[in-house]
Amino acid sequence: MPWSKDHKSATRGRIVETASTALRAKGVSGVGVAQVMEAAGLTHGGFYAHFGSKEELVASALAHALEQSGKRTGPAAEAAPAAHKLRAVSEAYLTPEHLAHAERGCPIVALGPELARSTGPARDALAGHIRKRVDWMESIAPGKTKAERRRAAAGTYAAMIGGMLLARLMDEEDGEKYLAQVRGFLKDSLEEA
């Protein structure tokens, strides 16, 4: 008897969730299809019923991780006053908890350096997401002109991503101090905008 569509969809979701966590923790080259399937409680042979290749899995897992990442910052922007929305996004992103949990954190920080040296659907998906994210951040950024808002969005996003990446290269205490410095810089910069 064949599996129902709901079962297949749920199984695919479990694979994507497992891959999303594993990829952020270990990188694309550090995770194999067999590892993902085993961690999801499935056999390696079942992989091709859901995905045509590892690259397709990576793209799906990346999309899932990006959606999760947006759930961290979107509510912070909604709750903040209009003049402080972009700052609220940066503060929600640059946290000690995010620093400590790469496996649940921003996939751009976790996978961006690796994907920047690749080609294919995962890199294309990441580039598209970055454009959309900067567009969204521009829509909530302070500034009188579109160019000022775009500059604030691009600079804030670069400081967020770069700040988290650099903080993860340090020990925990120094990393947390560094994130506090980046948050302070962005607070001052965005108040001047």
C-alpha atoms as a PDB file:
ATOM      1  CA  MET A   1       0.000   0.000   0.000  1.00  0.00           C
ATOM      2  CA  PRO A   2       1.525   3.371  -0.990  1.00  0.00           C
ATOM      3  CA  TRP A   3       2.103   6.123   1.568  1.00  0.00           C
ATOM      4  CA  SER A   4      -0.404   8.959   1.756  1.00  0.00           C
ATOM      5  CA  LYS A   5       0.542  12.425   0.513  1.00  0.00           C
ATOM      6  CA  ASP A   6       0.429  13.693   4.103  1.00  0.00           C
ATOM      7  CA  HIS A   7       2.922  11.047   5.182  1.00  0.00           C
ATOM      8  CA  LYS A   8       5.272  11.914   2.323  1.00  0.00           C
ATOM      9  CA  SER A   9       4.994  15.624   3.098  1.00  0.00           C
ATOM     10  CA  ALA A  10       5.626  15.049   6.815  1.00  0.00           C
ATOM     11  CA  THR A  11       8.627  12.845   6.043  1.00  0.00           C
ATOM     12  CA  ARG A  12      10.068  15.449   3.686  1.00  0.00           C
ATOM     13  CA  GLY A  13       9.543  18.092   6.382  1.00  0.00           C
ATOM     14  CA  ARG A  14      11.405  15.955   8.905  1.00  0.00           C
ATOM     15  CA  ILE A  15      14.308  15.531   6.482  1.00  0.00           C
ATOM     16  CA  VAL A  16      14.437  19.276   5.766  1.00  0.00           C
ATOM     17  CA  GLU A  17      14.317  20.168   9.476  1.00  0.00           C
ATOM     18  CA  THR A  18      17.072  17.680  10.288  1.00  0.00           C
ATOM     19  CA  ALA A  19      19.223  18.866   7.382  1.00  0.00           C
ATOM     20  CA  SER A  20      18.665  22.501   8.298  1.00  0.00           C
ATOM     21  CA  THR A  21      20.016  21.956  11.798  1.00  0.00           C
ATOM     22  CA  ALA A  22      22.897  19.732  10.678  1.00  0.00           C
ATOM     23  CA  LEU A  23      24.001  22.059   7.878  1.00  0.00           C
ATOM     24  CA  ARG A  24      24.103  25.089  10.164  1.00  0.00           C
ATOM     25  CA  ALA A  25      26.075  23.114  12.738  1.00  0.00           C
ATOM     26  CA  LYS A  26      28.582  21.397  10.421  1.00  0.00           C
ATOM     27  CA  GLY A  27      28.430  23.094   7.007  1.00  0.00           C
ATOM     28  CA  VAL A  28      27.510  21.691   3.613  1.00  0.00           C
ATOM     29  CA  SER A  29      30.737  19.743   3.225  1.00  0.00           C
ATOM     30  CA  GLY A  30      30.486  18.427   6.799  1.00  0.00           C
ATOM     31  CA  VAL A  31      27.122  16.720   6.336  1.00  0.00           C
ATOM     32  CA  GLY A  32      26.269  13.811   4.084  1.00  0.00           C
ATOM     33  CA  VAL A  33      22.907  12.574   2.885  1.00  0.00           C
ATOM     34  CA  ALA A  34      23.309   9.340   4.852  1.00  0.00           C
ATOM     35  CA  GLN A  35      23.916  11.296   8.075  1.00  0.00           C
ATOM     36  CA  VAL A  36      20.822  13.433   7.543  1.00  0.00           C
ATOM     37  CA  MET A  37      18.625  10.440   6.793  1.00  0.00           C
ATOM     38  CA  GLU A  38      19.920   8.517   9.812  1.00  0.00           C
ATOM     39  CA  ALA A  39      19.372  11.532  12.093  1.00  0.00           C
ATOM     40  CA  ALA A  40      15.833  11.832  10.721  1.00  0.00           C
ATOM     41  CA  GLY A  41      15.243   8.144  11.542  1.00  0.00           C
ATOM     42  CA  LEU A  42      15.058   7.098   7.890  1.00  0.00           C
ATOM     43  CA  THR A  43      17.048   4.923   5.526  1.00  0.00           C
ATOM     44  CA  HIS A  44      19.467   6.392   3.020  1.00  0.00           C
ATOM     45  CA  GLY A  45      17.595   4.741   0.161  1.00  0.00           C
ATOM     46  CA  GLY A  46      14.450   6.756   0.899  1.00  0.00           C
ATOM     47  CA  PHE A  47      16.214  10.049   0.190  1.00  0.00           C
ATOM     48  CA  TYR A  48      15.571   9.986  -3.558  1.00  0.00           C
ATOM     49  CA  ALA A  49      11.809   9.685  -3.063  1.00  0.00           C
ATOM     50  CA  HIS A  50      11.999  13.260  -1.737  1.00  0.00           C
ATOM     51  CA  PHE A  51      15.005  14.939  -3.380  1.00  0.00           C
ATOM     52  CA  GLY A  52      16.860  14.598  -6.654  1.00  0.00           C
ATOM     53  CA  SER A  53      20.247  15.512  -5.180  1.00  0.00           C
ATOM     54  CA  LYS A  54      22.067  16.760  -2.112  1.00  0.00           C
ATOM     55  CA  GLU A  55      22.057  20.227  -3.706  1.00  0.00           C
ATOM     56  CA  GLU A  56      18.246  20.173  -3.825  1.00  0.00           C
ATOM     57  CA  LEU A  57      18.159  19.155  -0.153  1.00  0.00           C
ATOM     58  CA  VAL A  58      20.593  21.946   0.772  1.00  0.00           C
ATOM     59  CA  ALA A  59      18.453  24.524  -1.054  1.00  0.00           C
ATOM     60  CA  SER A  60      15.297  23.307   0.733  1.00  0.00           C
ATOM     61  CA  ALA A  61      17.015  23.194   4.118  1.00  0.00           C
ATOM     62  CA  LEU A  62      18.430  26.664   3.546  1.00  0.00           C
ATOM     63  CA  ALA A  63      14.990  28.058   2.674  1.00  0.00           C
ATOM     64  CA  HIS A  64      13.630  26.500   5.872  1.00  0.00           C
ATOM     65  CA  ALA A  65      16.466  27.941   7.968  1.00  0.00           C
ATOM     66  CA  LEU A  66      15.984  31.402   6.442  1.00  0.00           C
ATOM     67  CA  GLU A  67      12.289  31.297   7.319  1.00  0.00           C
ATOM     68  CA  GLN A  68      13.154  30.361  10.910  1.00  0.00           C
ATOM     69  CA  SER A  69      15.706  33.160  11.098  1.00  0.00           C
ATOM     70  CA  GLY A  70      13.106  35.711   9.997  1.00  0.00           C
ATOM     71  CA  LYS A  71      10.896  34.640  12.885  1.00  0.00           C
ATOM     72  CA  ARG A  72      13.562  35.937  15.276  1.00  0.00           C
ATOM     73  CA  THR A  73      13.682  39.452  13.886  1.00  0.00           C
ATOM     74  CA  GLY A  74      10.230  40.119  12.429  1.00  0.00           C
ATOM     75  CA  PRO A  75       8.394  40.309  15.781  1.00  0.00           C
ATOM     76  CA  ALA A  76      11.083  42.620  17.183  1.00  0.00           C
ATOM     77  CA  ALA A  77      10.475  45.069  14.341  1.00  0.00           C
ATOM     78  CA  GLU A  78       6.698  44.883  14.767  1.00  0.00           C
ATOM     79  CA  ALA A  79       6.902  45.647  18.498  1.00  0.00           C
ATOM     80  CA  ALA A  80       9.277  48.615  18.164  1.00  0.00           C
ATOM     81  CA  PRO A  81       8.315  52.244  17.572  1.00  0.00           C
ATOM     82  CA  ALA A  82       8.746  53.369  13.955  1.00  0.00           C
ATOM     83  CA  ALA A  83      12.006  55.224  14.585  1.00  0.00           C
ATOM     84  CA  HIS A  84      13.625  52.194  16.249  1.00  0.00           C
ATOM     85  CA  LYS A  85      12.460  49.233  14.154  1.00  0.00           C
ATOM     86  CA  LEU A  86      15.803  48.591  12.437  1.00  0.00           C
ATOM     87  CA  ARG A  87      17.671  48.876  15.716  1.00  0.00           C
ATOM     88  CA  ALA A  88      15.229  46.395  17.292  1.00  0.00           C
ATOM     89  CA  VAL A  89      15.971  43.942  14.478  1.00  0.00           C
ATOM     90  CA  SER A  90      19.715  44.212  15.074  1.00  0.00           C
ATOM     91  CA  GLU A  91      19.293  43.789  18.829  1.00  0.00           C
ATOM     92  CA  ALA A  92      17.094  40.715  18.363  1.00  0.00           C
ATOM     93  CA  TYR A  93      19.727  39.210  16.053  1.00  0.00           C
ATOM     94  CA  LEU A  94      22.924  40.068  17.948  1.00  0.00           C
ATOM     95  CA  THR A  95      22.177  38.088  21.111  1.00  0.00           C
ATOM     96  CA  PRO A  96      24.300  35.743  23.221  1.00  0.00           C
ATOM     97  CA  GLU A  97      21.732  32.961  22.602  1.00  0.00           C
ATOM     98  CA  HIS A  98      22.081  33.330  18.837  1.00  0.00           C
ATOM     99  CA  LEU A  99      25.856  33.346  19.238  1.00  0.00           C
ATOM    100  CA  ALA A 100      25.783  30.097  21.222  1.00  0.00           C
ATOM    101  CA  HIS A 101      23.464  28.168  18.882  1.00  0.00           C
ATOM    102  CA  ALA A 102      24.731  28.118  15.314  1.00  0.00           C
ATOM    103  CA  GLU A 103      22.609  25.035  14.628  1.00  0.00           C
ATOM    104  CA  ARG A 104      19.433  27.094  15.173  1.00  0.00           C
ATOM    105  CA  GLY A 105      20.787  30.440  14.044  1.00  0.00           C
ATOM    106  CA  CYS A 106      21.207  32.457  10.917  1.00  0.00           C
ATOM    107  CA  PRO A 107      22.124  30.273   7.953  1.00  0.00           C
ATOM    108  CA  ILE A 108      23.876  33.171   6.226  1.00  0.00           C
ATOM    109  CA  VAL A 109      26.467  33.298   9.009  1.00  0.00           C
ATOM    110  CA  ALA A 110      26.708  29.505   9.223  1.00  0.00           C
ATOM    111  CA  LEU A 111      26.774  28.701   5.497  1.00  0.00           C
ATOM    112  CA  GLY A 112      27.451  31.964   3.654  1.00  0.00           C
ATOM    113  CA  PRO A 113      31.248  31.707   3.528  1.00  0.00           C
ATOM    114  CA  GLU A 114      31.028  28.145   2.188  1.00  0.00           C
ATOM    115  CA  LEU A 115      28.253  28.886  -0.318  1.00  0.00           C
ATOM    116  CA  ALA A 116      30.053  32.002  -1.577  1.00  0.00           C
ATOM    117  CA  ARG A 117      32.607  29.635  -3.125  1.00  0.00           C
ATOM    118  CA  SER A 118      29.970  27.479  -4.812  1.00  0.00           C
ATOM    119  CA  THR A 119      27.396  27.637  -7.562  1.00  0.00           C
ATOM    120  CA  GLY A 120      23.909  26.227  -7.786  1.00  0.00           C
ATOM    121  CA  PRO A 121      20.456  26.506  -6.267  1.00  0.00           C
ATOM    122  CA  ALA A 122      21.549  26.975  -2.642  1.00  0.00           C
ATOM    123  CA  ARG A 123      23.771  29.943  -3.466  1.00  0.00           C
ATOM    124  CA  ASP A 124      21.064  31.408  -5.716  1.00  0.00           C
ATOM    125  CA  ALA A 125      18.487  31.019  -2.933  1.00  0.00           C
ATOM    126  CA  LEU A 126      20.797  32.700  -0.451  1.00  0.00           C
ATOM    127  CA  ALA A 127      21.486  35.629  -2.788  1.00  0.00           C
ATOM    128  CA  GLY A 128      17.768  36.082  -3.398  1.00  0.00           C
ATOM    129  CA  HIS A 129      17.062  36.030   0.311  1.00  0.00           C
ATOM    130  CA  ILE A 130      19.735  38.643   0.996  1.00  0.00           C
ATOM    131  CA  ARG A 131      18.173  40.986  -1.565  1.00  0.00           C
ATOM    132  CA  LYS A 132      14.706  40.497  -0.055  1.00  0.00           C
ATOM    133  CA  ARG A 133      15.996  40.954   3.490  1.00  0.00           C
ATOM    134  CA  VAL A 134      17.761  44.220   2.655  1.00  0.00           C
ATOM    135  CA  ASP A 135      14.612  45.415   0.858  1.00  0.00           C
ATOM    136  CA  TRP A 136      12.556  44.638   3.976  1.00  0.00           C
ATOM    137  CA  MET A 137      15.093  46.310   6.260  1.00  0.00           C
ATOM    138  CA  GLU A 138      15.046  49.376   4.007  1.00  0.00           C
ATOM    139  CA  SER A 139      11.275  49.570   4.471  1.00  0.00           C
ATOM    140  CA  ILE A 140      11.710  49.919   8.263  1.00  0.00           C
ATOM    141  CA  ALA A 141      14.959  51.924   8.264  1.00  0.00           C
ATOM    142  CA  PRO A 142      15.254  55.516   9.444  1.00  0.00           C
ATOM    143  CA  GLY A 143      16.142  58.165   6.891  1.00  0.00           C
ATOM    144  CA  LYS A 144      14.550  60.910   4.852  1.00  0.00           C
ATOM    145  CA  THR A 145      15.383  59.552   1.415  1.00  0.00           C
ATOM    146  CA  LYS A 146      15.316  56.118  -0.173  1.00  0.00           C
ATOM    147  CA  ALA A 147      19.122  56.256  -0.530  1.00  0.00           C
ATOM    148  CA  GLU A 148      19.549  57.014   3.197  1.00  0.00           C
ATOM    149  CA  ARG A 149      17.207  54.171   4.166  1.00  0.00           C
ATOM    150  CA  ARG A 150      18.960  51.765   1.778  1.00  0.00           C
ATOM    151  CA  ARG A 151      22.374  52.700   3.175  1.00  0.00           C
ATOM    152  CA  ALA A 152      21.116  52.212   6.755  1.00  0.00           C
ATOM    153  CA  ALA A 153      19.620  48.818   5.844  1.00  0.00           C
ATOM    154  CA  ALA A 154      22.702  47.590   3.978  1.00  0.00           C
ATOM    155  CA  GLY A 155      25.106  48.776   6.672  1.00  0.00           C
ATOM    156  CA  THR A 156      23.025  47.349   9.496  1.00  0.00           C
ATOM    157  CA  TYR A 157      22.673  43.998   7.770  1.00  0.00           C
ATOM    158  CA  ALA A 158      26.403  43.820   7.051  1.00  0.00           C
ATOM    159  CA  ALA A 159      27.194  44.669  10.685  1.00  0.00           C
ATOM    160  CA  MET A 160      24.739  42.042  11.927  1.00  0.00           C
ATOM    161  CA  ILE A 161      26.054  39.246   9.712  1.00  0.00           C
ATOM    162  CA  GLY A 162      29.711  40.202  10.054  1.00  0.00           C
ATOM    163  CA  GLY A 163      29.375  40.822  13.780  1.00  0.00           C
ATOM    164  CA  MET A 164      27.876  37.397  14.416  1.00  0.00           C
ATOM    165  CA  LEU A 165      30.436  35.671  12.208  1.00  0.00           C
ATOM    166  CA  LEU A 166      33.377  37.367  13.926  1.00  0.00           C
ATOM    167  CA  ALA A 167      31.925  36.783  17.394  1.00  0.00           C
ATOM    168  CA  ARG A 168      31.664  33.056  16.656  1.00  0.00           C
ATOM    169  CA  LEU A 169      35.388  32.997  15.924  1.00  0.00           C
ATOM    170  CA  MET A 170      36.124  34.128  19.495  1.00  0.00           C
ATOM    171  CA  ASP A 171      35.655  32.390  22.803  1.00  0.00           C
ATOM    172  CA  GLU A 172      32.224  32.833  24.377  1.00  0.00           C
ATOM    173  CA  GLU A 173      33.098  35.723  26.694  1.00  0.00           C
ATOM    174  CA  ASP A 174      34.953  37.738  24.051  1.00  0.00           C
ATOM    175  CA  GLY A 175      32.269  36.956  21.482  1.00  0.00           C
ATOM    176  CA  GLU A 176      29.532  38.292  23.741  1.00  0.00           C
ATOM    177  CA  LYS A 177      31.544  41.455  24.429  1.00  0.00           C
ATOM    178  CA  TYR A 178      32.063  41.917  20.704  1.00  0.00           C
ATOM    179  CA  LEU A 179      28.331  41.579  20.010  1.00  0.00           C
ATOM    180  CA  ALA A 180      27.647  44.229  22.663  1.00  0.00           C
ATOM    181  CA  GLN A 181      30.086  46.550  20.888  1.00  0.00           C
ATOM    182  CA  VAL A 182      28.383  45.948  17.528  1.00  0.00           C
ATOM    183  CA  ARG A 183      24.953  46.566  19.094  1.00  0.00           C
ATOM    184  CA  GLY A 184      26.282  49.837  20.564  1.00  0.00           C
ATOM    185  CA  PHE A 185      27.727  50.907  17.231  1.00  0.00           C
ATOM    186  CA  LEU A 186      24.445  50.216  15.440  1.00  0.00           C
ATOM    187  CA  LYS A 187      22.425  52.005  18.129  1.00  0.00           C
ATOM    188  CA  ASP A 188      24.565  55.123  17.738  1.00  0.00           C
ATOM    189  CA  SER A 189      24.622  54.901  13.950  1.00  0.00           C
ATOM    190  CA  LEU A 190      20.882  54.435  13.595  1.00  0.00           C
ATOM    191  CA  GLU A 191      20.076  57.281  15.985  1.00  0.00           C
ATOM    192  CA  GLU A 192      22.131  59.606  13.788  1.00  0.00           C
ATOM    193  CA  ALA A 193      20.298  58.503  10.630  1.00  0.00           C
END
